[in-house]
Protein backbone atom coordinates (compact mmCIF):
# COMPACT_ATOMS: atom_id res chain seq x y z
CA MET A 1 55.11 86.97 144.74
CA ALA A 2 57.39 88.99 142.47
CA HIS A 3 59.87 87.27 140.20
CA VAL A 4 63.50 88.18 140.95
CA ASP A 5 65.93 88.00 138.05
CA GLN A 6 69.11 86.29 139.25
CA THR A 7 71.16 86.55 136.08
CA PRO A 8 74.58 88.15 136.54
CA SER A 9 74.73 91.85 135.85
CA THR A 10 76.57 93.00 132.76
CA GLU A 11 77.08 96.45 134.21
CA PRO A 12 80.68 97.35 134.97
CA ALA A 13 81.70 96.92 138.58
CA PRO A 14 82.98 99.90 140.57
CA GLY A 15 86.57 100.67 139.68
CA GLY A 16 86.19 99.36 136.15
CA LEU A 17 89.12 98.82 133.84
CA PRO A 18 91.96 100.01 136.12
CA VAL A 19 91.04 97.43 138.76
CA ASP A 20 90.81 94.73 136.09
CA VAL A 21 94.24 95.60 134.73
CA ILE A 22 95.79 95.68 138.21
CA GLY A 23 94.12 92.40 139.19
CA PHE A 24 95.24 90.54 136.09
CA ALA A 25 98.75 92.02 136.29
CA LEU A 26 99.01 90.80 139.88
CA TYR A 27 97.73 87.38 138.87
CA LEU A 28 100.26 87.12 136.04
CA ALA A 29 102.99 88.18 138.47
CA ALA A 30 101.85 85.45 140.88
CA GLY A 31 102.39 82.95 138.05
CA PHE A 32 106.06 83.90 137.71
CA PRO A 33 107.20 81.87 140.77
CA VAL A 34 105.32 78.89 139.35
CA LEU A 35 107.33 79.13 136.13
CA VAL A 36 110.70 79.49 137.85
CA GLY A 37 109.86 77.03 140.63
CA GLY A 38 111.89 74.40 138.78
CA LEU A 39 114.92 75.71 140.61
CA ILE A 40 113.59 74.31 143.90
CA MET A 41 110.75 71.93 142.97
CA PRO A 42 110.48 68.75 140.91
CA LEU A 43 108.63 68.81 137.60
CA TRP A 44 105.52 67.09 138.95
CA ALA A 45 105.06 69.82 141.57
CA ILE A 46 105.42 72.55 138.96
CA LEU A 47 102.85 70.87 136.73
CA VAL A 48 100.37 70.64 139.62
CA LEU A 49 100.94 74.31 140.45
CA ALA A 50 100.54 75.25 136.78
CA VAL A 51 97.17 73.47 136.67
CA ILE A 52 96.12 75.31 139.84
CA TRP A 53 97.30 78.60 138.30
CA VAL A 54 95.26 78.00 135.12
CA GLY A 55 92.22 77.15 137.25
CA GLY A 56 92.75 80.38 139.15
CA LEU A 57 92.96 82.29 135.88
CA TYR A 58 89.58 80.86 134.91
CA LEU A 59 88.20 82.00 138.28
CA ALA A 60 89.76 85.46 137.80
CA VAL A 61 87.93 85.88 134.50
CA ARG A 62 84.66 84.71 136.06
CA TRP A 63 85.05 86.77 139.26
CA ARG A 64 86.34 90.05 137.84
CA ARG A 65 83.01 91.71 138.71
CA GLN A 66 83.28 90.56 142.34
CA ARG A 67 86.23 92.68 143.37
CA ASN A 68 87.03 91.08 146.74
CA ARG A 69 87.38 87.60 145.28
CA PHE A 70 89.09 88.80 142.12
CA LEU A 71 91.76 90.82 143.90
CA ALA A 72 92.38 88.07 146.49
CA LEU A 73 93.30 85.46 143.85
CA PRO A 74 96.91 86.60 143.22
CA PHE A 75 97.66 86.50 146.94
CA ILE A 76 96.02 83.10 147.33
CA MET A 77 98.08 81.74 144.42
CA PHE A 78 101.30 83.08 145.87
CA ALA A 79 100.40 81.58 149.28
CA ILE A 80 99.80 78.18 147.63
CA TRP A 81 103.17 78.38 145.90
CA LEU A 82 104.94 79.44 149.09
CA ALA A 83 103.27 76.67 151.12
CA THR A 84 104.21 74.10 148.46
CA ALA A 85 107.84 75.22 148.45
CA TYR A 86 108.06 75.27 152.25
CA LEU A 87 106.35 71.92 152.76
CA GLY A 88 108.36 70.32 149.96
CA GLU A 89 111.62 71.52 151.48
CA THR A 90 110.59 70.52 155.01
CA PHE A 91 109.02 67.11 154.39
CA LEU A 92 110.24 65.98 150.97
CA GLY A 93 113.81 67.26 151.06
CA TRP A 94 113.61 69.60 148.07
CA THR A 95 116.66 71.84 147.86
CA ALA A 96 117.76 74.56 145.50
């Protein structure tokens, strides 16, 4: 039986640098609502979202070669922020 090397490839993924720049720019832009969320959210919620954002940044660095996951992260982060704001307003009475 042949041995299959399962180490990650160091070859650039299709799309290369432009896709990396766009992906990280989108992820940084998705962090903006987290920073200004203090207008509608309490501090504890912003800190939890900031921890999630930093975790997502770690995943973005790890997944930049897997384009589908990498480019989905900014939209997932924004959806988490939006869900937090909506649920906080609906169930916890957060107001601007």
